[in-house]
Amino acid sequence: MATAIEDPNRLPGETLRDQDGGKVGDIKALYSVGEDEQPMWVTVEVETGLARNQLVFVPLARIKYERDQVRVPYTAQHLLGSPEIEHEEELSDSDELALRNYYAIDLADQEVRTDNESYAAAHIPDAEGSPRRTAGED
């Protein structure tokens, strides 16, 4: 059974697994939105197989605990295909829009958790401002 992430601040350092349970990479940092510092994105260091790593942004609303693992409903290839975003202290509005479009984040309200609340309602704030890094490794 899948459960929502209750404390996103504990995610940095955790291993993220794909939809089949394969290792994607390690979660590095959280990016938050609004005055209440509500996390919305995580960065994940994904191994590309070419002795290199790539840092990608993943929507927190799509991450869950399943089978004692932190999982996302994507393949590692899908994550590697996400828009290339500089991992600065803040995301630009255009970068956030590109990420939202890529992950179809506006459709997240249609995804229902086991407690009949949507992932988006639980994790995506209706706050103004640019997402900015709030926790994680340097």
C-alpha atoms as a PDB file:
ATOM      1  CA  MET A   1       0.000   0.000   0.000  1.00  0.00           C
ATOM      2  CA  ALA A   2       1.302   3.455  -0.915  1.00  0.00           C
ATOM      3  CA  THR A   3       1.332   6.218   1.654  1.00  0.00           C
ATOM      4  CA  ALA A   4       2.036   9.913   1.361  1.00  0.00           C
ATOM      5  CA  ILE A   5       5.284  11.470   2.527  1.00  0.00           C
ATOM      6  CA  GLU A   6       4.469  12.862   5.964  1.00  0.00           C
ATOM      7  CA  ASP A   7       7.768  14.663   6.664  1.00  0.00           C
ATOM      8  CA  PRO A   8       9.481  15.785   3.438  1.00  0.00           C
ATOM      9  CA  ASN A   9      12.409  17.223   5.436  1.00  0.00           C
ATOM     10  CA  ARG A  10      13.584  13.646   6.044  1.00  0.00           C
ATOM     11  CA  LEU A  11      13.887  12.895   2.311  1.00  0.00           C
ATOM     12  CA  PRO A  12      17.384  14.303   1.578  1.00  0.00           C
ATOM     13  CA  GLY A  13      19.769  11.374   1.694  1.00  0.00           C
ATOM     14  CA  GLU A  14      17.061   8.791   0.931  1.00  0.00           C
ATOM     15  CA  THR A  15      17.261   6.605  -2.167  1.00  0.00           C
ATOM     16  CA  LEU A  16      14.503   7.224  -4.713  1.00  0.00           C
ATOM     17  CA  ARG A  17      13.183   4.193  -6.573  1.00  0.00           C
ATOM     18  CA  ASP A  18      11.243   4.095  -9.853  1.00  0.00           C
ATOM     19  CA  GLN A  19       7.812   2.613 -10.525  1.00  0.00           C
ATOM     20  CA  ASP A  20       9.287  -0.908 -10.610  1.00  0.00           C
ATOM     21  CA  GLY A  21      11.462  -0.521  -7.512  1.00  0.00           C
ATOM     22  CA  GLY A  22      14.731   0.063  -9.389  1.00  0.00           C
ATOM     23  CA  LYS A  23      17.182   2.560  -7.903  1.00  0.00           C
ATOM     24  CA  VAL A  24      16.934   5.984  -9.532  1.00  0.00           C
ATOM     25  CA  GLY A  25      19.309   7.945  -7.303  1.00  0.00           C
ATOM     26  CA  ASP A  26      19.693   9.835  -4.056  1.00  0.00           C
ATOM     27  CA  ILE A  27      17.462  12.728  -3.035  1.00  0.00           C
ATOM     28  CA  LYS A  28      19.633  15.807  -2.488  1.00  0.00           C
ATOM     29  CA  ALA A  29      17.485  18.858  -1.653  1.00  0.00           C
ATOM     30  CA  LEU A  30      13.972  20.249  -1.234  1.00  0.00           C
ATOM     31  CA  TYR A  31      12.653  23.347  -2.985  1.00  0.00           C
ATOM     32  CA  SER A  32       9.770  25.172  -1.333  1.00  0.00           C
ATOM     33  CA  VAL A  33       7.134  27.687  -2.385  1.00  0.00           C
ATOM     34  CA  GLY A  34       5.508  30.532  -0.494  1.00  0.00           C
ATOM     35  CA  GLU A  35       5.935  32.151   2.860  1.00  0.00           C
ATOM     36  CA  ASP A  36       5.104  28.980   4.774  1.00  0.00           C
ATOM     37  CA  GLU A  37       8.073  27.188   3.128  1.00  0.00           C
ATOM     38  CA  GLN A  38       5.903  24.310   1.852  1.00  0.00           C
ATOM     39  CA  PRO A  39       8.170  21.882  -0.117  1.00  0.00           C
ATOM     40  CA  MET A  40       7.136  21.276  -3.729  1.00  0.00           C
ATOM     41  CA  TRP A  41      10.169  19.850  -5.568  1.00  0.00           C
ATOM     42  CA  VAL A  42      13.079  17.584  -4.722  1.00  0.00           C
ATOM     43  CA  THR A  43      16.340  17.227  -6.583  1.00  0.00           C
ATOM     44  CA  VAL A  44      17.599  13.719  -7.258  1.00  0.00           C
ATOM     45  CA  GLU A  45      21.098  12.764  -8.378  1.00  0.00           C
ATOM     46  CA  VAL A  46      20.535  10.168 -11.122  1.00  0.00           C
ATOM     47  CA  GLU A  47      23.329   7.979 -12.464  1.00  0.00           C
ATOM     48  CA  THR A  48      23.405   8.301 -16.272  1.00  0.00           C
ATOM     49  CA  GLY A  49      25.464   5.171 -16.850  1.00  0.00           C
ATOM     50  CA  LEU A  50      28.292   7.157 -18.420  1.00  0.00           C
ATOM     51  CA  ALA A  51      30.279   7.569 -15.203  1.00  0.00           C
ATOM     52  CA  ARG A  52      28.339  10.810 -14.732  1.00  0.00           C
ATOM     53  CA  ASN A  53      25.454  11.923 -12.593  1.00  0.00           C
ATOM     54  CA  GLN A  54      22.649  14.296 -13.516  1.00  0.00           C
ATOM     55  CA  LEU A  55      20.615  16.324 -11.040  1.00  0.00           C
ATOM     56  CA  VAL A  56      16.897  16.329 -11.885  1.00  0.00           C
ATOM     57  CA  PHE A  57      13.849  17.924 -10.288  1.00  0.00           C
ATOM     58  CA  VAL A  58      10.962  15.665  -9.242  1.00  0.00           C
ATOM     59  CA  PRO A  59       7.578  16.850  -7.905  1.00  0.00           C
ATOM     60  CA  LEU A  60       7.157  15.998  -4.237  1.00  0.00           C
ATOM     61  CA  ALA A  61       3.443  15.417  -4.868  1.00  0.00           C
ATOM     62  CA  ARG A  62       4.317  12.303  -6.883  1.00  0.00           C
ATOM     63  CA  ILE A  63       6.678  10.729  -4.330  1.00  0.00           C
ATOM     64  CA  LYS A  64       5.304   8.178  -1.877  1.00  0.00           C
ATOM     65  CA  TYR A  65       6.331   5.378   0.473  1.00  0.00           C
ATOM     66  CA  GLU A  66       5.574   1.970  -0.984  1.00  0.00           C
ATOM     67  CA  ARG A  67       6.929  -1.404   0.145  1.00  0.00           C
ATOM     68  CA  ASP A  68       9.270   0.343   2.605  1.00  0.00           C
ATOM     69  CA  GLN A  69      10.808   2.360  -0.231  1.00  0.00           C
ATOM     70  CA  VAL A  70      10.596   5.962  -1.408  1.00  0.00           C
ATOM     71  CA  ARG A  71       9.078   5.644  -4.898  1.00  0.00           C
ATOM     72  CA  VAL A  72       7.994   7.750  -7.826  1.00  0.00           C
ATOM     73  CA  PRO A  73       5.615   6.649 -10.626  1.00  0.00           C
ATOM     74  CA  TYR A  74       8.180   7.215 -13.381  1.00  0.00           C
ATOM     75  CA  THR A  75      11.121   5.413 -14.943  1.00  0.00           C
ATOM     76  CA  ALA A  76      14.653   6.703 -14.504  1.00  0.00           C
ATOM     77  CA  GLN A  77      14.664   7.435 -18.268  1.00  0.00           C
ATOM     78  CA  HIS A  78      11.599   9.661 -17.878  1.00  0.00           C
ATOM     79  CA  LEU A  79      13.295  11.582 -15.074  1.00  0.00           C
ATOM     80  CA  LEU A  80      16.449  12.006 -17.161  1.00  0.00           C
ATOM     81  CA  GLY A  81      14.278  13.470 -19.942  1.00  0.00           C
ATOM     82  CA  SER A  82      13.009  16.260 -17.690  1.00  0.00           C
ATOM     83  CA  PRO A  83      13.961  19.863 -18.472  1.00  0.00           C
ATOM     84  CA  GLU A  84      17.535  20.741 -17.563  1.00  0.00           C
ATOM     85  CA  ILE A  85      17.295  23.212 -14.715  1.00  0.00           C
ATOM     86  CA  GLU A  86      20.146  24.907 -12.888  1.00  0.00           C
ATOM     87  CA  HIS A  87      19.980  23.944  -9.220  1.00  0.00           C
ATOM     88  CA  GLU A  88      20.410  27.428  -7.829  1.00  0.00           C
ATOM     89  CA  GLU A  89      18.835  28.748  -4.641  1.00  0.00           C
ATOM     90  CA  GLU A  90      15.601  29.620  -6.502  1.00  0.00           C
ATOM     91  CA  LEU A  91      13.828  28.328  -9.589  1.00  0.00           C
ATOM     92  CA  SER A  92      12.805  30.898 -12.171  1.00  0.00           C
ATOM     93  CA  ASP A  93       9.145  31.139 -13.107  1.00  0.00           C
ATOM     94  CA  SER A  94       9.936  29.749 -16.565  1.00  0.00           C
ATOM     95  CA  ASP A  95      11.849  26.800 -15.081  1.00  0.00           C
ATOM     96  CA  GLU A  96       8.987  25.972 -12.736  1.00  0.00           C
ATOM     97  CA  LEU A  97       6.492  26.188 -15.606  1.00  0.00           C
ATOM     98  CA  ALA A  98       8.664  23.864 -17.724  1.00  0.00           C
ATOM     99  CA  LEU A  99       8.789  21.344 -14.865  1.00  0.00           C
ATOM    100  CA  ARG A 100       5.033  21.583 -14.221  1.00  0.00           C
ATOM    101  CA  ASN A 101       4.339  21.018 -17.913  1.00  0.00           C
ATOM    102  CA  TYR A 102       6.749  18.084 -18.168  1.00  0.00           C
ATOM    103  CA  TYR A 103       5.285  16.294 -15.147  1.00  0.00           C
ATOM    104  CA  ALA A 104       1.681  17.394 -15.894  1.00  0.00           C
ATOM    105  CA  ILE A 105       1.562  18.650 -12.334  1.00  0.00           C
ATOM    106  CA  ASP A 106      -1.760  20.439 -12.884  1.00  0.00           C
ATOM    107  CA  LEU A 107      -3.347  17.003 -13.277  1.00  0.00           C
ATOM    108  CA  ALA A 108      -2.177  15.951  -9.811  1.00  0.00           C
ATOM    109  CA  ASP A 109      -5.523  16.847  -8.259  1.00  0.00           C
ATOM    110  CA  GLN A 110      -6.973  13.850 -10.073  1.00  0.00           C
ATOM    111  CA  GLU A 111      -4.623  11.455  -8.258  1.00  0.00           C
ATOM    112  CA  VAL A 112      -6.155  10.238  -5.031  1.00  0.00           C
ATOM    113  CA  ARG A 113      -4.210   8.902  -2.071  1.00  0.00           C
ATOM    114  CA  THR A 114      -5.459   6.034   0.076  1.00  0.00           C
ATOM    115  CA  ASP A 115      -7.074   8.542   2.471  1.00  0.00           C
ATOM    116  CA  ASN A 116      -9.137   9.985  -0.437  1.00  0.00           C
ATOM    117  CA  GLU A 117      -7.225  13.264  -0.488  1.00  0.00           C
ATOM    118  CA  SER A 118      -5.396  14.297  -3.624  1.00  0.00           C
ATOM    119  CA  TYR A 119      -1.599  14.454  -3.634  1.00  0.00           C
ATOM    120  CA  ALA A 120      -1.795  18.013  -4.910  1.00  0.00           C
ATOM    121  CA  ALA A 121      -4.122  19.136  -2.144  1.00  0.00           C
ATOM    122  CA  ALA A 122      -1.740  17.699   0.420  1.00  0.00           C
ATOM    123  CA  HIS A 123       1.543  18.902  -1.059  1.00  0.00           C
ATOM    124  CA  ILE A 124       1.146  21.725  -3.564  1.00  0.00           C
ATOM    125  CA  PRO A 125       0.539  25.074  -1.918  1.00  0.00           C
ATOM    126  CA  ASP A 126      -1.440  27.855  -3.514  1.00  0.00           C
ATOM    127  CA  ALA A 127       1.268  30.297  -2.520  1.00  0.00           C
ATOM    128  CA  GLU A 128       2.896  33.004  -4.550  1.00  0.00           C
ATOM    129  CA  GLY A 129       6.607  33.294  -5.090  1.00  0.00           C
ATOM    130  CA  SER A 130       9.369  31.273  -6.662  1.00  0.00           C
ATOM    131  CA  PRO A 131      10.310  27.858  -5.297  1.00  0.00           C
ATOM    132  CA  ARG A 132      13.574  28.046  -3.417  1.00  0.00           C
ATOM    133  CA  ARG A 133      15.861  25.515  -1.809  1.00  0.00           C
ATOM    134  CA  THR A 134      14.996  25.021   1.833  1.00  0.00           C
ATOM    135  CA  ALA A 135      16.736  21.818   2.903  1.00  0.00           C
ATOM    136  CA  GLY A 136      19.218  19.213   1.786  1.00  0.00           C
ATOM    137  CA  GLU A 137      22.837  18.654   0.977  1.00  0.00           C
ATOM    138  CA  ASP A 138      25.092  21.238  -0.640  1.00  0.00           C
END
